[in-house]
Amino acid sequence: MSDLSKRRLKAWIRLLGVTRSVESELREFLRLRHDTTLPRFDVMAALWRRRDGVTMSELSRMLLVSNGNATGVVDRLEKDGFVRRRPSETDRRTVFVALTDDGLRAFEGMAGEHEKEVDRLLGNLSEADLDALTTMFRRIGKGDAR
């Protein structure tokens, strides 16, 4: 292994550690402040972005989770009155899911506080730091990290 290869591996391990640490803090924040979970928040955020609703398959793809995982979260959100399911008018096998008015209000209340918490957790990053990270992440995402 080259020195550069070892440095990339160390960078990956640091990135993973930071990601896990921030995610852990956000999970705890959502649990304590909003009595909810990160998966529920993520589903509601995806549905907030697509107000007209999405199919369960689209939701799974948006969240990068299995249909089963998405279904379990949606089941609980529906039970709590935050989402509603609507069958497709053209395909009986397809079901659309969307936030209810209560779900929209609940998410918007959480989202503002979530943003403040992320801002607090990443508060030691300057604008230049964020620009540099964004540039690097784009290069990594394109598979062109060199």
Protein backbone atom coordinates (compact mmCIF):
# COMPACT_ATOMS: atom_id res chain seq x y z
CA MET A 1 0.00 0.00 0.00
CA SER A 2 1.25 3.45 -0.85
CA ASP A 3 1.48 6.27 1.67
CA LEU A 4 -1.30 8.10 -0.17
CA SER A 5 -3.49 4.99 -0.04
CA LYS A 6 -2.97 4.73 3.73
CA ARG A 7 -3.80 8.42 4.16
CA ARG A 8 -7.02 7.93 2.17
CA LEU A 9 -7.95 5.03 4.40
CA LYS A 10 -7.30 7.14 7.52
CA ALA A 11 -9.38 9.97 6.04
CA TRP A 12 -12.23 7.53 5.40
CA ILE A 13 -12.06 6.27 8.99
CA ARG A 14 -12.11 9.85 10.32
CA LEU A 15 -15.04 10.75 8.04
CA LEU A 16 -16.95 7.69 9.20
CA GLY A 17 -16.22 8.51 12.85
CA VAL A 18 -17.41 12.09 12.50
CA THR A 19 -20.54 10.96 10.65
CA ARG A 20 -21.38 8.39 13.31
CA SER A 21 -20.78 10.87 16.11
CA VAL A 22 -22.98 13.60 14.60
CA GLU A 23 -25.68 11.06 13.70
CA SER A 24 -25.65 9.71 17.25
CA GLU A 25 -26.10 13.21 18.67
CA LEU A 26 -28.95 13.92 16.25
CA ARG A 27 -30.67 10.64 17.16
CA GLU A 28 -30.46 11.56 20.83
CA PHE A 29 -31.67 15.10 20.14
CA LEU A 30 -34.72 13.85 18.21
CA ARG A 31 -35.48 11.26 20.88
CA LEU A 32 -35.25 13.67 23.80
CA ARG A 33 -36.68 16.85 22.24
CA HIS A 34 -39.30 15.39 19.92
CA ASP A 35 -39.90 11.83 21.12
CA THR A 36 -39.14 10.54 17.64
CA THR A 37 -36.48 8.63 15.75
CA LEU A 38 -34.12 9.57 12.96
CA PRO A 39 -35.84 7.17 10.49
CA ARG A 40 -39.22 8.81 11.21
CA PHE A 41 -37.67 12.24 10.75
CA ASP A 42 -36.05 11.14 7.48
CA VAL A 43 -39.33 9.75 6.10
CA MET A 44 -41.18 12.93 7.05
CA ALA A 45 -38.43 15.06 5.46
CA ALA A 46 -38.67 13.10 2.21
CA LEU A 47 -42.45 13.48 2.19
CA TRP A 48 -42.18 17.18 3.03
CA ARG A 49 -40.02 17.65 -0.09
CA ARG A 50 -42.61 15.82 -2.21
CA ARG A 51 -45.87 17.26 -0.89
CA ASP A 52 -47.98 15.61 -3.58
CA GLY A 53 -46.89 12.20 -2.27
CA VAL A 54 -44.67 9.40 -3.50
CA THR A 55 -45.00 5.68 -4.01
CA MET A 56 -43.52 3.42 -1.37
CA SER A 57 -40.89 2.31 -3.91
CA GLU A 58 -39.92 5.93 -4.59
CA LEU A 59 -39.73 6.62 -0.87
CA SER A 60 -37.44 3.62 -0.35
CA ARG A 61 -35.15 4.79 -3.15
CA MET A 62 -35.09 8.36 -1.81
CA LEU A 63 -34.05 7.09 1.62
CA LEU A 64 -31.74 4.31 0.38
CA VAL A 65 -33.58 1.73 2.51
CA SER A 66 -35.53 -1.44 1.79
CA ASN A 67 -39.25 -1.33 1.10
CA GLY A 68 -39.76 -3.26 4.34
CA ASN A 69 -37.93 -0.67 6.43
CA ALA A 70 -39.84 2.19 4.82
CA THR A 71 -43.15 0.37 5.26
CA GLY A 72 -42.56 -0.14 8.99
CA VAL A 73 -41.84 3.54 9.56
CA VAL A 74 -44.79 4.63 7.40
CA ASP A 75 -47.09 2.24 9.29
CA ARG A 76 -46.19 3.90 12.59
CA LEU A 77 -46.47 7.42 11.15
CA GLU A 78 -49.88 6.57 9.70
CA LYS A 79 -51.02 5.20 13.07
CA ASP A 80 -49.95 8.51 14.65
CA GLY A 81 -51.90 10.48 12.03
CA PHE A 82 -48.82 12.02 10.37
CA VAL A 83 -49.08 10.30 6.97
CA ARG A 84 -51.84 8.94 4.79
CA ARG A 85 -51.83 6.28 2.14
CA ARG A 86 -53.78 6.67 -1.09
CA PRO A 87 -54.15 3.91 -3.68
CA SER A 88 -53.21 4.72 -7.26
CA GLU A 89 -56.14 5.33 -9.56
CA THR A 90 -54.36 3.50 -12.39
CA ASP A 91 -52.56 0.61 -10.66
CA ARG A 92 -54.07 -1.30 -7.76
CA ARG A 93 -50.63 -2.47 -6.64
CA THR A 94 -49.31 1.07 -6.21
CA VAL A 95 -49.91 3.10 -3.06
CA PHE A 96 -48.96 6.74 -2.61
CA VAL A 97 -47.97 8.11 0.78
CA ALA A 98 -48.00 11.78 1.83
CA LEU A 99 -47.88 13.88 4.97
CA THR A 100 -51.17 14.86 6.57
CA ASP A 101 -51.69 18.43 7.78
CA ASP A 102 -50.75 17.23 11.29
CA GLY A 103 -47.65 15.56 9.87
CA LEU A 104 -46.69 18.70 8.00
CA ARG A 105 -47.00 20.81 11.16
CA ALA A 106 -45.10 18.27 13.27
CA PHE A 107 -42.28 18.00 10.75
CA GLU A 108 -41.92 21.74 10.29
CA GLY A 109 -41.68 22.16 14.07
CA MET A 110 -38.96 19.52 14.26
CA ALA A 111 -37.10 20.68 11.14
CA GLY A 112 -36.33 24.16 12.45
CA GLU A 113 -34.90 22.78 15.68
CA HIS A 114 -33.05 20.02 13.78
CA GLU A 115 -31.38 22.67 11.61
CA LYS A 116 -30.32 24.61 14.71
CA GLU A 117 -28.88 21.43 16.23
CA VAL A 118 -26.91 20.62 13.07
CA ASP A 119 -25.67 24.22 13.05
CA ARG A 120 -24.53 23.80 16.65
CA LEU A 121 -22.81 20.48 15.94
CA LEU A 122 -20.97 21.88 12.90
CA GLY A 123 -20.57 25.36 14.33
CA ASN A 124 -16.78 25.26 14.31
CA LEU A 125 -16.72 25.08 10.49
CA SER A 126 -16.23 28.37 8.66
CA GLU A 127 -17.83 29.26 5.36
CA ALA A 128 -14.52 28.46 3.65
CA ASP A 129 -14.41 25.07 5.42
CA LEU A 130 -17.92 24.27 4.20
CA ASP A 131 -17.06 25.30 0.64
CA ALA A 132 -13.97 23.08 0.71
CA LEU A 133 -15.91 20.12 2.11
CA THR A 134 -18.65 20.55 -0.48
CA THR A 135 -16.07 20.56 -3.27
CA MET A 136 -14.37 17.45 -1.89
CA PHE A 137 -17.62 15.55 -1.37
CA ARG A 138 -18.69 16.31 -4.94
CA ARG A 139 -15.42 14.93 -6.25
CA ILE A 140 -15.76 11.80 -4.12
CA GLY A 141 -19.39 11.37 -5.18
CA LYS A 142 -18.39 11.43 -8.84
CA GLY A 143 -15.73 8.82 -8.25
CA ASP A 144 -13.11 11.38 -9.25
CA ALA A 145 -11.37 12.01 -5.93
CA ARG A 146 -7.91 12.43 -7.44
